PDB file of N, CA and C in Angstrom:
ATOM      1  N   UNK A   1     -58.993-236.119-107.336  1.00  0.00           N
ATOM      2  CA  UNK A   1     -60.310-236.915-107.180  1.00  0.00           C
ATOM      3  C   UNK A   1     -61.096-237.007-108.307  1.00  0.00           C
ATOM      4  N   UNK A   2     -60.183-236.742-109.665  1.00  0.00           N
ATOM      5  CA  UNK A   2     -60.798-237.168-110.721  1.00  0.00           C
ATOM      6  C   UNK A   2     -60.349-238.150-111.535  1.00  0.00           C
ATOM      7  N   UNK A   3     -60.508-238.564-112.552  1.00  0.00           N
ATOM      8  CA  UNK A   3     -59.984-239.768-113.586  1.00  0.00           C
ATOM      9  C   UNK A   3     -60.743-240.533-113.083  1.00  0.00           C
ATOM     10  N   UNK A   4     -61.212-241.947-112.714  1.00  0.00           N
ATOM     11  CA  UNK A   4     -61.424-243.127-113.078  1.00  0.00           C
ATOM     12  C   UNK A   4     -62.103-243.170-111.583  1.00  0.00           C
ATOM     13  N   UNK A   5     -62.023-241.932-110.743  1.00  0.00           N
ATOM     14  CA  UNK A   5     -63.467-242.107-109.674  1.00  0.00           C
ATOM     15  C   UNK A   5     -64.716-241.021-110.530  1.00  0.00           C
ATOM     16  N   UNK A   6     -64.269-240.186-111.661  1.00  0.00           N
ATOM     17  CA  UNK A   6     -65.690-239.720-111.951  1.00  0.00           C
ATOM     18  C   UNK A   6     -65.197-238.396-111.813  1.00  0.00           C
ATOM     19  N   UNK A   7     -65.467-237.297-111.987  1.00  0.00           N
ATOM     20  CA  UNK A   7     -65.456-236.019-112.023  1.00  0.00           C
ATOM     21  C   UNK A   7     -66.151-235.425-110.464  1.00  0.00           C
ATOM     22  N   UNK A   8     -65.112-235.369-109.414  1.00  0.00           N
ATOM     23  CA  UNK A   8     -65.751-234.750-108.231  1.00  0.00           C
ATOM     24  C   UNK A   8     -66.655-233.667-108.411  1.00  0.00           C
ATOM     25  N   UNK A   9     -65.617-232.504-108.720  1.00  0.00           N
ATOM     26  CA  UNK A   9     -66.017-231.006-108.506  1.00  0.00           C
ATOM     27  C   UNK A   9     -67.597-231.143-109.414  1.00  0.00           C
ATOM     28  N   UNK A  10     -67.334-231.748-110.802  1.00  0.00           N
ATOM     29  CA  UNK A  10     -68.700-231.621-111.399  1.00  0.00           C
ATOM     30  C   UNK A  10     -69.669-231.682-110.921  1.00  0.00           C
ATOM     31  N   UNK A  11     -69.421-233.101-110.339  1.00  0.00           N
ATOM     32  CA  UNK A  11     -70.711-233.878-109.659  1.00  0.00           C
ATOM     33  C   UNK A  11     -71.061-232.608-108.191  1.00  0.00           C
ATOM     34  N   UNK A  12     -70.181-231.895-107.670  1.00  0.00           N
ATOM     35  CA  UNK A  12     -70.677-231.080-106.887  1.00  0.00           C
ATOM     36  C   UNK A  12     -71.472-229.838-107.351  1.00  0.00           C
ATOM     37  N   UNK A  13     -71.250-229.254-108.422  1.00  0.00           N
ATOM     38  CA  UNK A  13     -71.303-228.335-108.887  1.00  0.00           C
ATOM     39  C   UNK A  13     -72.876-228.506-109.568  1.00  0.00           C
ATOM     40  N   UNK A  14     -73.049-229.615-110.232  1.00  0.00           N
ATOM     41  CA  UNK A  14     -74.384-229.743-110.743  1.00  0.00           C
ATOM     42  C   UNK A  14     -75.240-230.495-109.696  1.00  0.00           C
ATOM     43  N   UNK A  15     -74.768-231.039-108.696  1.00  0.00           N
ATOM     44  CA  UNK A  15     -75.194-231.290-107.331  1.00  0.00           C
ATOM     45  C   UNK A  15     -75.849-229.913-106.614  1.00  0.00           C
ATOM     46  N   UNK A  16     -75.323-228.974-106.817  1.00  0.00           N
ATOM     47  CA  UNK A  16     -75.591-227.788-106.003  1.00  0.00           C
ATOM     48  C   UNK A  16     -76.672-227.046-106.776  1.00  0.00           C
ATOM     49  N   UNK A  17     -76.409-226.907-108.487  1.00  0.00           N
ATOM     50  CA  UNK A  17     -77.660-226.459-109.077  1.00  0.00           C
ATOM     51  C   UNK A  17     -79.164-227.270-108.805  1.00  0.00           C
ATOM     52  N   UNK A  18     -78.967-228.236-108.726  1.00  0.00           N
ATOM     53  CA  UNK A  18     -80.322-229.084-108.595  1.00  0.00           C
ATOM     54  C   UNK A  18     -80.676-228.957-107.369  1.00  0.00           C
ATOM     55  N   UNK A  19     -79.603-228.590-106.435  1.00  0.00           N
ATOM     56  CA  UNK A  19     -80.577-227.997-104.897  1.00  0.00           C
ATOM     57  C   UNK A  19     -80.892-227.163-105.065  1.00  0.00           C
ATOM     58  N   UNK A  20     -80.470-225.966-105.989  1.00  0.00           N
ATOM     59  CA  UNK A  20     -81.277-224.535-105.674  1.00  0.00           C
ATOM     60  C   UNK A  20     -82.304-224.644-106.776  1.00  0.00           C
ATOM     61  N   UNK A  21     -82.074-225.747-107.790  1.00  0.00           N
ATOM     62  CA  UNK A  21     -83.511-225.329-108.932  1.00  0.00           C
ATOM     63  C   UNK A  21     -84.614-226.648-107.772  1.00  0.00           C
ATOM     64  N   UNK A  22     -84.415-227.128-107.363  1.00  0.00           N
ATOM     65  CA  UNK A  22     -85.530-227.807-106.285  1.00  0.00           C
ATOM     66  C   UNK A  22     -85.969-227.397-105.170  1.00  0.00           C
ATOM     67  N   UNK A  23     -85.377-226.596-104.809  1.00  0.00           N
ATOM     68  CA  UNK A  23     -85.227-225.442-103.448  1.00  0.00           C
ATOM     69  C   UNK A  23     -86.495-226.005-102.580  1.00  0.00           C
ATOM     70  N   UNK A  24     -87.871-226.036-103.293  1.00  0.00           N
ATOM     71  CA  UNK A  24     -88.933-225.694-103.136  1.00  0.00           C
ATOM     72  C   UNK A  24     -89.473-227.166-102.564  1.00  0.00           C
ATOM     73  N   UNK A  25     -88.720-227.927-103.052  1.00  0.00           N
ATOM     74  CA  UNK A  25     -89.185-229.417-102.705  1.00  0.00           C
ATOM     75  C   UNK A  25     -88.352-229.445-101.198  1.00  0.00           C
ATOM     76  N   UNK A  26     -88.790-229.262 -99.558  1.00  0.00           N
ATOM     77  CA  UNK A  26     -88.030-229.418 -98.884  1.00  0.00           C
ATOM     78  C   UNK A  26     -87.005-230.642 -98.739  1.00  0.00           C
ATOM     79  N   UNK A  27     -87.135-231.708 -98.398  1.00  0.00           N
ATOM     80  CA  UNK A  27     -86.267-232.458 -97.997  1.00  0.00           C
ATOM     81  C   UNK A  27     -86.028-233.107 -99.273  1.00  0.00           C
ATOM     82  N   UNK A  28     -86.854-233.418-100.333  1.00  0.00           N
ATOM     83  CA  UNK A  28     -86.437-234.357-101.752  1.00  0.00           C
ATOM     84  C   UNK A  28     -85.188-233.271-102.465  1.00  0.00           C
ATOM     85  N   UNK A  29     -85.803-231.932-102.631  1.00  0.00           N
ATOM     86  CA  UNK A  29     -84.893-231.284-103.259  1.00  0.00           C
ATOM     87  C   UNK A  29     -83.117-231.469-103.225  1.00  0.00           C
ATOM     88  N   UNK A  30     -82.801-231.352-101.666  1.00  0.00           N
ATOM     89  CA  UNK A  30     -81.147-231.810-101.494  1.00  0.00           C
ATOM     90  C   UNK A  30     -80.945-233.123-101.431  1.00  0.00           C
ATOM     91  N   UNK A  31     -81.936-233.973-101.182  1.00  0.00           N
ATOM     92  CA  UNK A  31     -81.723-235.533-101.121  1.00  0.00           C
ATOM     93  C   UNK A  31     -81.268-235.823-102.782  1.00  0.00           C
ATOM     94  N   UNK A  32     -82.191-235.512-103.806  1.00  0.00           N
ATOM     95  CA  UNK A  32     -82.051-235.410-105.031  1.00  0.00           C
ATOM     96  C   UNK A  32     -80.533-234.938-105.597  1.00  0.00           C
ATOM     97  N   UNK A  33     -80.540-233.339-105.050  1.00  0.00           N
ATOM     98  CA  UNK A  33     -79.384-232.729-105.568  1.00  0.00           C
ATOM     99  C   UNK A  33     -78.191-233.774-105.141  1.00  0.00           C
ATOM    100  N   UNK A  34     -77.742-234.159-103.947  1.00  0.00           N
ATOM    101  CA  UNK A  34     -76.835-235.210-103.127  1.00  0.00           C
ATOM    102  C   UNK A  34     -76.789-236.340-103.762  1.00  0.00           C
ATOM    103  N   UNK A  35     -78.079-236.868-104.319  1.00  0.00           N
ATOM    104  CA  UNK A  35     -77.890-237.891-104.860  1.00  0.00           C
ATOM    105  C   UNK A  35     -76.854-237.884-106.370  1.00  0.00           C
ATOM    106  N   UNK A  36     -77.376-237.077-106.964  1.00  0.00           N
ATOM    107  CA  UNK A  36     -76.994-236.850-108.570  1.00  0.00           C
ATOM    108  C   UNK A  36     -75.361-236.196-108.371  1.00  0.00           C
ATOM    109  N   UNK A  37     -75.150-235.694-107.200  1.00  0.00           N
ATOM    110  CA  UNK A  37     -73.339-235.403-107.149  1.00  0.00           C
ATOM    111  C   UNK A  37     -72.782-236.333-106.856  1.00  0.00           C
ATOM    112  N   UNK A  38     -73.563-237.744-106.039  1.00  0.00           N
ATOM    113  CA  UNK A  38     -72.746-238.614-105.909  1.00  0.00           C
ATOM    114  C   UNK A  38     -72.530-239.422-106.810  1.00  0.00           C
ATOM    115  N   UNK A  39     -73.587-239.642-107.996  1.00  0.00           N
ATOM    116  CA  UNK A  39     -73.547-240.445-108.831  1.00  0.00           C
ATOM    117  C   UNK A  39     -72.236-239.996-109.841  1.00  0.00           C
ATOM    118  N   UNK A  40     -72.664-238.331-110.139  1.00  0.00           N
ATOM    119  CA  UNK A  40     -71.436-237.794-111.360  1.00  0.00           C
ATOM    120  C   UNK A  40     -69.956-237.983-110.419  1.00  0.00           C
ATOM    121  N   UNK A  41     -69.763-238.058-108.684  1.00  0.00           N
ATOM    122  CA  UNK A  41     -68.896-238.146-108.519  1.00  0.00           C
ATOM    123  C   UNK A  41     -67.977-239.440-108.392  1.00  0.00           C
ATOM    124  N   UNK A  42     -68.935-240.387-108.062  1.00  0.00           N
ATOM    125  CA  UNK A  42     -68.350-241.624-108.113  1.00  0.00           C
ATOM    126  C   UNK A  42     -67.544-241.854-107.190  1.00  0.00           C
ATOM    127  N   UNK A  43     -66.962-242.931-106.833  1.00  0.00           N
ATOM    128  CA  UNK A  43     -65.674-243.351-106.213  1.00  0.00           C
ATOM    129  C   UNK A  43     -66.162-244.025-104.688  1.00  0.00           C
ATOM    130  N   UNK A  44     -67.520-244.123-104.970  1.00  0.00           N
ATOM    131  CA  UNK A  44     -67.883-245.119-103.435  1.00  0.00           C
ATOM    132  C   UNK A  44     -68.754-244.165-102.670  1.00  0.00           C
ATOM    133  N   UNK A  45     -68.893-244.979-101.455  1.00  0.00           N
ATOM    134  CA  UNK A  45     -69.970-244.373-100.431  1.00  0.00           C
ATOM    135  C   UNK A  45     -69.181-242.718-100.005  1.00  0.00           C
ATOM    136  N   UNK A  46     -68.241-242.889 -99.551  1.00  0.00           N
ATOM    137  CA  UNK A  46     -68.083-241.442 -99.087  1.00  0.00           C
ATOM    138  C   UNK A  46     -67.292-240.664-100.087  1.00  0.00           C
ATOM    139  N   UNK A  47     -66.999-241.053-101.146  1.00  0.00           N
ATOM    140  CA  UNK A  47     -66.541-239.975-102.134  1.00  0.00           C
ATOM    141  C   UNK A  47     -67.976-239.238-102.405  1.00  0.00           C
ATOM    142  N   UNK A  48     -69.014-239.724-102.545  1.00  0.00           N
ATOM    143  CA  UNK A  48     -70.175-239.575-103.217  1.00  0.00           C
ATOM    144  C   UNK A  48     -70.826-238.770-101.997  1.00  0.00           C
ATOM    145  N   UNK A  49     -70.830-239.205-100.407  1.00  0.00           N
ATOM    146  CA  UNK A  49     -71.331-238.303 -99.613  1.00  0.00           C
ATOM    147  C   UNK A  49     -70.755-237.305 -99.571  1.00  0.00           C
ATOM    148  N   UNK A  50     -69.379-236.778 -99.701  1.00  0.00           N
ATOM    149  CA  UNK A  50     -68.660-235.653 -99.905  1.00  0.00           C
ATOM    150  C   UNK A  50     -69.245-234.496-100.662  1.00  0.00           C
ATOM    151  N   UNK A  51     -69.272-235.197-101.978  1.00  0.00           N
ATOM    152  CA  UNK A  51     -69.618-234.315-102.911  1.00  0.00           C
ATOM    153  C   UNK A  51     -71.200-233.959-102.890  1.00  0.00           C
ATOM    154  N   UNK A  52     -71.872-234.794-102.069  1.00  0.00           N
ATOM    155  CA  UNK A  52     -73.383-234.240-101.559  1.00  0.00           C
ATOM    156  C   UNK A  52     -72.872-233.002-100.462  1.00  0.00           C
ATOM    157  N   UNK A  53     -72.486-233.413 -99.496  1.00  0.00           N
ATOM    158  CA  UNK A  53     -72.346-232.476 -98.369  1.00  0.00           C
ATOM    159  C   UNK A  53     -71.892-231.314 -99.091  1.00  0.00           C
ATOM    160  N   UNK A  54     -70.894-231.494 -99.728  1.00  0.00           N
ATOM    161  CA  UNK A  54     -70.016-229.690-100.570  1.00  0.00           C
ATOM    162  C   UNK A  54     -71.025-228.970-101.078  1.00  0.00           C
ATOM    163  N   UNK A  55     -71.579-229.965-101.976  1.00  0.00           N
ATOM    164  CA  UNK A  55     -72.728-229.023-102.833  1.00  0.00           C
ATOM    165  C   UNK A  55     -73.622-228.270-102.118  1.00  0.00           C
ATOM    166  N   UNK A  56     -74.245-228.835-100.789  1.00  0.00           N
ATOM    167  CA  UNK A  56     -74.956-228.129-100.308  1.00  0.00           C
ATOM    168  C   UNK A  56     -74.496-227.219 -99.208  1.00  0.00           C
ATOM    169  N   UNK A  57     -73.127-227.291 -98.893  1.00  0.00           N
ATOM    170  CA  UNK A  57     -72.325-226.059 -98.220  1.00  0.00           C
ATOM    171  C   UNK A  57     -72.551-224.634 -99.324  1.00  0.00           C
ATOM    172  N   UNK A  58     -71.654-225.336-100.011  1.00  0.00           N
ATOM    173  CA  UNK A  58     -71.679-224.177-101.134  1.00  0.00           C
ATOM    174  C   UNK A  58     -72.365-223.429-101.651  1.00  0.00           C
ATOM    175  N   UNK A  59     -73.688-223.737-101.770  1.00  0.00           N
ATOM    176  CA  UNK A  59     -74.420-223.217-101.838  1.00  0.00           C
ATOM    177  C   UNK A  59     -74.985-222.646-101.000  1.00  0.00           C
ATOM    178  N   UNK A  60     -75.396-222.702 -99.411  1.00  0.00           N
ATOM    179  CA  UNK A  60     -75.880-222.115 -98.091  1.00  0.00           C
ATOM    180  C   UNK A  60     -74.939-220.744 -98.382  1.00  0.00           C
ATOM    181  N   UNK A  61     -73.382-220.857 -98.453  1.00  0.00           N
ATOM    182  CA  UNK A  61     -72.310-219.984 -98.304  1.00  0.00           C
ATOM    183  C   UNK A  61     -72.593-219.345 -99.481  1.00  0.00           C
ATOM    184  N   UNK A  62     -72.802-219.112-100.764  1.00  0.00           N
ATOM    185  CA  UNK A  62     -72.704-218.504-102.172  1.00  0.00           C
ATOM    186  C   UNK A  62     -74.094-217.567-101.732  1.00  0.00           C
ATOM    187  N   UNK A  63     -74.996-218.253-101.577  1.00  0.00           N
ATOM    188  CA  UNK A  63     -76.071-217.268-101.341  1.00  0.00           C
ATOM    189  C   UNK A  63     -76.200-216.283 -99.833  1.00  0.00           C
ATOM    190  N   UNK A  64     -75.182-216.925 -98.659  1.00  0.00           N
ATOM    191  CA  UNK A  64     -74.977-216.354 -97.801  1.00  0.00           C
ATOM    192  C   UNK A  64     -74.331-214.327 -98.334  1.00  0.00           C
ATOM    193  N   UNK A  65     -72.648-215.057 -99.132  1.00  0.00           N
ATOM    194  CA  UNK A  65     -72.653-213.828 -99.540  1.00  0.00           C
ATOM    195  C   UNK A  65     -73.247-212.752-100.542  1.00  0.00           C
ATOM    196  N   UNK A  66     -74.089-213.385-101.433  1.00  0.00           N
ATOM    197  CA  UNK A  66     -74.466-212.718-102.152  1.00  0.00           C
ATOM    198  C   UNK A  66     -75.815-211.323-100.964  1.00  0.00           C
ATOM    199  N   UNK A  67     -76.618-212.245-100.341  1.00  0.00           N
ATOM    200  CA  UNK A  67     -77.275-211.121 -99.301  1.00  0.00           C
ATOM    201  C   UNK A  67     -76.326-210.188 -98.560  1.00  0.00           C
ATOM    202  N   UNK A  68     -75.202-210.432 -98.106  1.00  0.00           N
ATOM    203  CA  UNK A  68     -74.401-209.653 -97.106  1.00  0.00           C
ATOM    204  C   UNK A  68     -74.091-208.274 -98.342  1.00  0.00           C
ATOM    205  N   UNK A  69     -73.460-208.487 -99.431  1.00  0.00           N
ATOM    206  CA  UNK A  69     -72.939-207.720-100.372  1.00  0.00           C
ATOM    207  C   UNK A  69     -74.020-206.910-100.676  1.00  0.00           C
ATOM    208  N   UNK A  70     -75.502-207.609-101.484  1.00  0.00           N
ATOM    209  CA  UNK A  70     -76.771-206.801-101.903  1.00  0.00           C
ATOM    210  C   UNK A  70     -77.091-205.725-100.887  1.00  0.00           C
ATOM    211  N   UNK A  71     -77.500-206.601 -99.290  1.00  0.00           N
ATOM    212  CA  UNK A  71     -77.807-205.467 -98.656  1.00  0.00           C
ATOM    213  C   UNK A  71     -76.817-204.341 -97.876  1.00  0.00           C
ATOM    214  N   UNK A  72     -75.623-204.764 -98.304  1.00  0.00           N
ATOM    215  CA  UNK A  72     -74.584-203.560 -97.652  1.00  0.00           C
ATOM    216  C   UNK A  72     -74.986-202.540 -99.203  1.00  0.00           C
ATOM    217  N   UNK A  73     -74.839-202.647-100.362  1.00  0.00           N
ATOM    218  CA  UNK A  73     -75.311-201.805-101.053  1.00  0.00           C
ATOM    219  C   UNK A  73     -76.405-201.256-101.308  1.00  0.00           C
ATOM    220  N   UNK A  74     -77.314-201.954-100.999  1.00  0.00           N
ATOM    221  CA  UNK A  74     -78.884-201.044-100.941  1.00  0.00           C
ATOM    222  C   UNK A  74     -79.242-200.601 -99.831  1.00  0.00           C
ATOM    223  N   UNK A  75     -78.470-200.777 -98.899  1.00  0.00           N
ATOM    224  CA  UNK A  75     -79.203-200.215 -97.425  1.00  0.00           C
ATOM    225  C   UNK A  75     -78.279-199.770 -96.641  1.00  0.00           C
ATOM    226  N   UNK A  76     -77.150-199.903 -97.039  1.00  0.00           N
ATOM    227  CA  UNK A  76     -76.321-199.595 -95.936  1.00  0.00           C
ATOM    228  C   UNK A  76     -75.682-200.246 -94.672  1.00  0.00           C
ATOM    229  N   UNK A  77     -75.653-199.875 -93.919  1.00  0.00           N
ATOM    230  CA  UNK A  77     -75.153-200.049 -92.589  1.00  0.00           C
ATOM    231  C   UNK A  77     -76.428-201.077 -91.697  1.00  0.00           C
ATOM    232  N   UNK A  78     -77.834-200.636 -91.724  1.00  0.00           N
ATOM    233  CA  UNK A  78     -78.873-201.338 -91.186  1.00  0.00           C
ATOM    234  C   UNK A  78     -78.818-202.372 -92.392  1.00  0.00           C
ATOM    235  N   UNK A  79     -78.657-202.496 -93.635  1.00  0.00           N
ATOM    236  CA  UNK A  79     -79.046-203.477 -94.466  1.00  0.00           C
ATOM    237  C   UNK A  79     -77.813-204.075 -94.673  1.00  0.00           C
ATOM    238  N   UNK A  80     -76.488-204.064 -94.078  1.00  0.00           N
ATOM    239  CA  UNK A  80     -75.265-205.041 -93.701  1.00  0.00           C
ATOM    240  C   UNK A  80     -76.079-205.830 -92.270  1.00  0.00           C
ATOM    241  N   UNK A  81     -76.254-205.339 -91.497  1.00  0.00           N
ATOM    242  CA  UNK A  81     -76.405-205.996 -90.463  1.00  0.00           C
ATOM    243  C   UNK A  81     -77.788-207.193 -90.091  1.00  0.00           C
ATOM    244  N   UNK A  82     -78.821-206.516 -90.956  1.00  0.00           N
ATOM    245  CA  UNK A  82     -80.409-207.918 -91.755  1.00  0.00           C
ATOM    246  C   UNK A  82     -79.521-208.815 -92.274  1.00  0.00           C
ATOM    247  N   UNK A  83     -78.711-208.205 -93.207  1.00  0.00           N
ATOM    248  CA  UNK A  83     -78.305-209.702 -94.302  1.00  0.00           C
ATOM    249  C   UNK A  83     -77.341-210.677 -93.478  1.00  0.00           C
ATOM    250  N   UNK A  84     -76.696-209.760 -92.338  1.00  0.00           N
ATOM    251  CA  UNK A  84     -76.075-210.721 -91.386  1.00  0.00           C
ATOM    252  C   UNK A  84     -76.692-211.355 -90.590  1.00  0.00           C
ATOM    253  N   UNK A  85     -77.523-211.275 -90.333  1.00  0.00           N
ATOM    254  CA  UNK A  85     -78.563-212.084 -89.469  1.00  0.00           C
ATOM    255  C   UNK A  85     -79.157-213.214 -90.408  1.00  0.00           C
ATOM    256  N   UNK A  86     -79.304-212.754 -91.112  1.00  0.00           N
ATOM    257  CA  UNK A  86     -80.402-213.402 -92.578  1.00  0.00           C
ATOM    258  C   UNK A  86     -79.175-214.499 -93.063  1.00  0.00           C
ATOM    259  N   UNK A  87     -77.741-214.364 -92.925  1.00  0.00           N
ATOM    260  CA  UNK A  87     -76.790-215.079 -93.189  1.00  0.00           C
ATOM    261  C   UNK A  87     -76.652-216.472 -92.450  1.00  0.00           C
ATOM    262  N   UNK A  88     -76.469-215.426 -91.040  1.00  0.00           N
ATOM    263  CA  UNK A  88     -76.503-216.639 -90.069  1.00  0.00           C
ATOM    264  C   UNK A  88     -77.738-217.653 -90.269  1.00  0.00           C
ATOM    265  N   UNK A  89     -78.536-217.364 -90.605  1.00  0.00           N
ATOM    266  CA  UNK A  89     -79.871-218.494 -90.560  1.00  0.00           C
ATOM    267  C   UNK A  89     -79.522-219.512 -92.018  1.00  0.00           C
ATOM    268  N   UNK A  90     -79.095-218.676 -93.232  1.00  0.00           N
ATOM    269  CA  UNK A  90     -78.901-219.467 -94.298  1.00  0.00           C
ATOM    270  C   UNK A  90     -77.337-220.556 -93.428  1.00  0.00           C
ATOM    271  N   UNK A  91     -76.651-220.048 -93.372  1.00  0.00           N
ATOM    272  CA  UNK A  91     -75.510-220.844 -92.763  1.00  0.00           C
ATOM    273  C   UNK A  91     -75.920-221.860 -91.504  1.00  0.00           C
ATOM    274  N   UNK A  92     -76.889-221.980 -90.913  1.00  0.00           N
ATOM    275  CA  UNK A  92     -77.335-223.003 -90.499  1.00  0.00           C
ATOM    276  C   UNK A  92     -78.417-223.878 -90.962  1.00  0.00           C
ATOM    277  N   UNK A  93     -78.851-223.435 -92.374  1.00  0.00           N
ATOM    278  CA  UNK A  93     -79.800-224.062 -93.021  1.00  0.00           C
ATOM    279  C   UNK A  93     -78.687-224.664 -94.003  1.00  0.00           C
ATOM    280  N   UNK A  94     -77.139-224.224 -93.881  1.00  0.00           N
ATOM    281  CA  UNK A  94     -76.450-225.331 -94.823  1.00  0.00           C
ATOM    282  C   UNK A  94     -76.223-226.597 -94.315  1.00  0.00           C
ATOM    283  N   UNK A  95     -76.501-226.207 -93.094  1.00  0.00           N
ATOM    284  CA  UNK A  95     -76.140-228.223 -92.101  1.00  0.00           C
ATOM    285  C   UNK A  95     -77.368-228.970 -92.884  1.00  0.00           C
ATOM    286  N   UNK A  96     -78.793-228.131 -93.185  1.00  0.00           N
ATOM    287  CA  UNK A  96     -79.791-229.035 -93.360  1.00  0.00           C
ATOM    288  C   UNK A  96     -79.294-229.398 -94.475  1.00  0.00           C
ATOM    289  N   UNK A  97     -78.771-228.419 -95.724  1.00  0.00           N
ATOM    290  CA  UNK A  97     -78.422-228.792 -97.209  1.00  0.00           C
ATOM    291  C   UNK A  97     -77.184-229.776 -97.243  1.00  0.00           C
ATOM    292  N   UNK A  98     -76.755-229.506 -96.467  1.00  0.00           N
ATOM    293  CA  UNK A  98     -75.462-230.230 -96.270  1.00  0.00           C
ATOM    294  C   UNK A  98     -75.525-231.642 -95.749  1.00  0.00           C
ATOM    295  N   UNK A  99     -76.303-232.125 -94.919  1.00  0.00           N
ATOM    296  CA  UNK A  99     -76.684-233.202 -94.204  1.00  0.00           C
ATOM    297  C   UNK A  99     -77.324-234.300 -94.920  1.00  0.00           C
ATOM    298  N   UNK A 100     -78.410-233.690 -95.709  1.00  0.00           N
ATOM    299  CA  UNK A 100     -79.338-234.216 -96.766  1.00  0.00           C
ATOM    300  C   UNK A 100     -78.952-234.259 -97.901  1.00  0.00           C
ATOM    301  N   UNK A 101     -77.809-233.478 -98.380  1.00  0.00           N
ATOM    302  CA  UNK A 101     -77.259-234.081 -99.793  1.00  0.00           C
ATOM    303  C   UNK A 101     -75.642-235.332 -98.944  1.00  0.00           C
ATOM    304  N   UNK A 102     -75.646-235.226 -98.356  1.00  0.00           N
ATOM    305  CA  UNK A 102     -74.497-236.058 -97.836  1.00  0.00           C
ATOM    306  C   UNK A 102     -75.390-237.358 -97.826  1.00  0.00           C
ATOM    307  N   UNK A 103     -76.452-237.821 -97.356  1.00  0.00           N
ATOM    308  CA  UNK A 103     -77.277-239.411 -96.888  1.00  0.00           C
ATOM    309  C   UNK A 103     -77.767-239.694 -98.720  1.00  0.00           C
ATOM    310  N   UNK A 104     -78.014-237.801 -99.591  1.00  0.00           N
ATOM    311  CA  UNK A 104     -78.053-238.544-100.975  1.00  0.00           C
ATOM    312  C   UNK A 104     -76.850-239.431-101.633  1.00  0.00           C
ATOM    313  N   UNK A 105     -75.277-238.575-101.544  1.00  0.00           N
ATOM    314  CA  UNK A 105     -74.487-238.544-102.253  1.00  0.00           C
ATOM    315  C   UNK A 105     -74.177-240.037-101.168  1.00  0.00           C
ATOM    316  N   UNK A 106     -74.181-240.401-100.132  1.00  0.00           N
ATOM    317  CA  UNK A 106     -74.362-241.905 -99.696  1.00  0.00           C
ATOM    318  C   UNK A 106     -74.454-243.003-100.477  1.00  0.00           C
ATOM    319  N   UNK A 107     -75.998-242.580-100.512  1.00  0.00           N
ATOM    320  CA  UNK A 107     -77.084-244.006-101.290  1.00  0.00           C
ATOM    321  C   UNK A 107     -76.497-243.969-102.545  1.00  0.00           C
ATOM    322  N   UNK A 108     -76.148-242.715-103.493  1.00  0.00           N
ATOM    323  CA  UNK A 108     -75.841-243.082-104.985  1.00  0.00           C
ATOM    324  C   UNK A 108     -74.122-243.278-104.724  1.00  0.00           C
ATOM    325  N   UNK A 109     -73.709-243.300-104.283  1.00  0.00           N
ATOM    326  CA  UNK A 109     -71.822-243.695-104.081  1.00  0.00           C
ATOM    327  C   UNK A 109     -72.162-245.422-104.179  1.00  0.00           C
ATOM    328  N   UNK A 110     -73.344-245.784-102.740  1.00  0.00           N
ATOM    329  CA  UNK A 110     -73.612-247.006-102.589  1.00  0.00           C
ATOM    330  C   UNK A 110     -74.024-247.926-103.875  1.00  0.00           C
ATOM    331  N   UNK A 111     -74.662-247.294-104.363  1.00  0.00           N
ATOM    332  CA  UNK A 111     -75.585-247.655-105.733  1.00  0.00           C
ATOM    333  C   UNK A 111     -74.136-247.797-106.918  1.00  0.00           C
ATOM    334  N   UNK A 112     -73.889-246.802-106.993  1.00  0.00           N
ATOM    335  CA  UNK A 112     -72.488-246.671-108.371  1.00  0.00           C
ATOM    336  C   UNK A 112     -71.324-247.086-107.521  1.00  0.00           C
ATOM    337  N   UNK A 113     -70.621-248.500-108.058  1.00  0.00           N
ATOM    338  CA  UNK A 113     -69.584-248.948-107.322  1.00  0.00           C
ATOM    339  C   UNK A 113     -68.695-249.154-108.865  1.00  0.00           C
TER     340      UNK A 113
END
């Protein structure tokens, strides 16, 4: 997925970072993150869409794991149960970030051929 098509995983990582930094912008943040991931990944519309989608999913999963571990260490079993509930919500939010990132990556992939 690298080489002449750009650097797929670097695009995913940078798109993820942009999504995290622009998290306060509800739709625009994930859209811009997916767009940047798609531009860096190159390889057409679908490669850009995959990069944007993965950037959103990875972000939500990483935050979910941090919440579960932090909740367990600080508050024991009640913290674990609370963090597990919050993580479920975050995984649902991953669909939000993933789908909007996919749209941004799709647009970027269409523009950069």
